Amino acid sequence: DLVYRPWSLEGDRIESRDISGSLPVVQVGTVWRRGSGLPQAARDFIGLAQSQRMVRR
């Protein structure tokens, strides 16, 4: 079952916004301790981010 409520569980109103135009570029950095292992989820994220970077150029 699906119920539409125009407010969030916190009581804030929910609004929709048009995002069909271009969105601003966001720069993201990652940092981890030297010598420590990088979790698979982090490696997956870095790979995805790098592939998107190549697409945008």
N, C-alpha and C. Protein backbone atom coordinates (compact mmCIF):
# COMPACT_ATOMS: atom_id res chain seq x y z
N ASP A 1 0.83 -1.18 0.00
CA ASP A 1 0.00 0.00 0.00
C ASP A 1 0.87 1.24 0.00
N LEU A 2 0.43 2.26 -0.68
CA LEU A 2 1.17 3.50 -0.79
C LEU A 2 0.28 4.65 -0.36
N VAL A 3 0.77 5.46 0.53
CA VAL A 3 0.03 6.63 1.00
C VAL A 3 0.87 7.86 0.74
N TYR A 4 0.28 8.88 0.11
CA TYR A 4 1.00 10.13 -0.14
C TYR A 4 0.72 11.09 1.00
N ARG A 5 1.78 11.61 1.56
CA ARG A 5 1.66 12.65 2.58
C ARG A 5 2.56 13.80 2.16
N PRO A 6 2.05 15.04 2.13
CA PRO A 6 2.88 16.18 1.72
C PRO A 6 3.79 16.68 2.83
N TRP A 7 4.14 15.83 3.78
CA TRP A 7 5.04 16.21 4.85
C TRP A 7 5.92 15.02 5.21
N SER A 8 7.05 15.31 5.82
CA SER A 8 7.97 14.24 6.20
C SER A 8 7.59 13.70 7.57
N LEU A 9 8.25 12.65 7.99
CA LEU A 9 7.98 12.09 9.32
C LEU A 9 8.38 13.06 10.42
N GLU A 10 9.29 14.00 10.09
CA GLU A 10 9.71 15.01 11.06
C GLU A 10 8.73 16.18 11.11
N GLY A 11 7.72 16.18 10.25
CA GLY A 11 6.74 17.26 10.24
C GLY A 11 7.03 18.36 9.24
N ASP A 12 8.16 18.28 8.53
CA ASP A 12 8.50 19.29 7.54
C ASP A 12 7.70 19.02 6.26
N ARG A 13 7.34 20.10 5.57
CA ARG A 13 6.64 19.93 4.29
C ARG A 13 7.61 19.42 3.24
N ILE A 14 7.11 18.60 2.35
CA ILE A 14 7.91 18.08 1.26
C ILE A 14 7.54 18.87 0.00
N GLU A 15 8.56 19.33 -0.71
CA GLU A 15 8.30 20.06 -1.95
C GLU A 15 9.07 19.40 -3.08
N SER A 16 8.57 19.57 -4.28
CA SER A 16 9.27 19.02 -5.44
C SER A 16 9.95 20.16 -6.18
N ARG A 17 11.07 19.84 -6.81
CA ARG A 17 11.83 20.83 -7.58
C ARG A 17 12.22 20.22 -8.91
N ASP A 18 12.20 21.05 -9.94
CA ASP A 18 12.59 20.61 -11.27
C ASP A 18 14.11 20.49 -11.33
N ILE A 19 14.61 19.33 -11.69
CA ILE A 19 16.06 19.14 -11.80
C ILE A 19 16.43 18.72 -13.22
N SER A 20 15.58 19.06 -14.19
CA SER A 20 15.87 18.66 -15.56
C SER A 20 17.03 19.44 -16.15
N GLY A 21 17.33 20.62 -15.61
CA GLY A 21 18.47 21.40 -16.08
C GLY A 21 19.76 20.82 -15.55
N SER A 22 20.87 21.43 -15.94
CA SER A 22 22.16 20.93 -15.46
C SER A 22 22.35 21.27 -13.98
N LEU A 23 22.94 20.37 -13.27
CA LEU A 23 23.21 20.56 -11.85
C LEU A 23 24.63 21.05 -11.66
N PRO A 24 24.90 21.77 -10.58
CA PRO A 24 26.26 22.25 -10.35
C PRO A 24 27.21 21.08 -10.08
N VAL A 25 28.46 21.27 -10.44
CA VAL A 25 29.48 20.26 -10.21
C VAL A 25 29.83 20.24 -8.72
N VAL A 26 29.96 19.06 -8.18
CA VAL A 26 30.33 18.90 -6.77
C VAL A 26 31.67 18.18 -6.72
N GLN A 27 32.62 18.76 -6.01
CA GLN A 27 33.91 18.10 -5.86
C GLN A 27 33.89 17.27 -4.59
N VAL A 28 34.34 16.03 -4.70
CA VAL A 28 34.32 15.09 -3.59
C VAL A 28 35.74 14.59 -3.37
N GLY A 29 36.14 14.51 -2.13
CA GLY A 29 37.45 13.96 -1.80
C GLY A 29 37.30 12.78 -0.86
N THR A 30 38.22 11.85 -0.91
CA THR A 30 38.23 10.72 0.01
C THR A 30 39.58 10.64 0.70
N VAL A 31 39.55 10.27 1.95
CA VAL A 31 40.77 10.18 2.76
C VAL A 31 40.69 8.90 3.58
N TRP A 32 41.81 8.20 3.69
CA TRP A 32 41.88 7.04 4.58
C TRP A 32 43.30 6.92 5.10
N ARG A 33 43.43 6.24 6.20
CA ARG A 33 44.73 6.09 6.86
C ARG A 33 45.68 5.27 5.99
N ARG A 34 46.88 5.79 5.81
CA ARG A 34 47.91 5.10 5.03
C ARG A 34 48.16 3.72 5.62
N GLY A 35 48.22 2.72 4.78
CA GLY A 35 48.51 1.37 5.23
C GLY A 35 47.28 0.57 5.65
N SER A 36 46.16 1.24 5.86
CA SER A 36 44.96 0.49 6.25
C SER A 36 44.23 0.00 5.00
N GLY A 37 43.51 -1.07 5.15
CA GLY A 37 42.75 -1.61 4.03
C GLY A 37 41.56 -0.73 3.70
N LEU A 38 41.20 -0.71 2.44
CA LEU A 38 40.05 0.07 1.99
C LEU A 38 38.88 -0.89 1.81
N PRO A 39 37.75 -0.65 2.49
CA PRO A 39 36.60 -1.56 2.35
C PRO A 39 36.12 -1.64 0.90
N GLN A 40 35.51 -2.75 0.56
CA GLN A 40 35.01 -2.95 -0.81
C GLN A 40 34.03 -1.84 -1.20
N ALA A 41 33.17 -1.42 -0.29
CA ALA A 41 32.21 -0.36 -0.61
C ALA A 41 32.93 0.93 -0.99
N ALA A 42 34.02 1.25 -0.31
CA ALA A 42 34.79 2.45 -0.63
C ALA A 42 35.47 2.30 -1.99
N ARG A 43 36.00 1.12 -2.28
CA ARG A 43 36.63 0.89 -3.59
C ARG A 43 35.59 1.00 -4.71
N ASP A 44 34.40 0.47 -4.45
CA ASP A 44 33.32 0.57 -5.44
C ASP A 44 32.94 2.03 -5.68
N PHE A 45 32.84 2.82 -4.60
CA PHE A 45 32.49 4.23 -4.73
C PHE A 45 33.55 4.98 -5.53
N ILE A 46 34.81 4.74 -5.23
CA ILE A 46 35.91 5.42 -5.94
C ILE A 46 35.88 5.04 -7.42
N GLY A 47 35.66 3.77 -7.72
CA GLY A 47 35.58 3.34 -9.12
C GLY A 47 34.43 4.01 -9.85
N LEU A 48 33.28 4.09 -9.21
CA LEU A 48 32.12 4.74 -9.81
C LEU A 48 32.38 6.23 -10.03
N ALA A 49 32.95 6.89 -9.03
CA ALA A 49 33.25 8.31 -9.15
C ALA A 49 34.25 8.57 -10.27
N GLN A 50 35.26 7.73 -10.38
CA GLN A 50 36.26 7.91 -11.44
C GLN A 50 35.64 7.68 -12.82
N SER A 51 34.75 6.72 -12.94
CA SER A 51 34.13 6.47 -14.25
C SER A 51 33.22 7.63 -14.65
N GLN A 52 32.53 8.24 -13.69
CA GLN A 52 31.68 9.40 -13.99
C GLN A 52 32.53 10.61 -14.36
N ARG A 53 33.67 10.73 -13.75
CA ARG A 53 34.58 11.83 -14.05
C ARG A 53 35.01 11.76 -15.51
N MET A 54 35.30 10.56 -15.99
CA MET A 54 35.73 10.40 -17.37
C MET A 54 34.58 10.71 -18.34
N VAL A 55 33.34 10.40 -17.96
CA VAL A 55 32.18 10.65 -18.81
C VAL A 55 31.96 12.14 -18.98
N ARG A 56 32.15 12.91 -17.92
CA ARG A 56 31.87 14.35 -17.94
C ARG A 56 32.86 15.15 -18.75
N ARG A 57 34.07 14.64 -18.94
CA ARG A 57 35.09 15.42 -19.66
C ARG A 57 34.85 15.47 -21.13
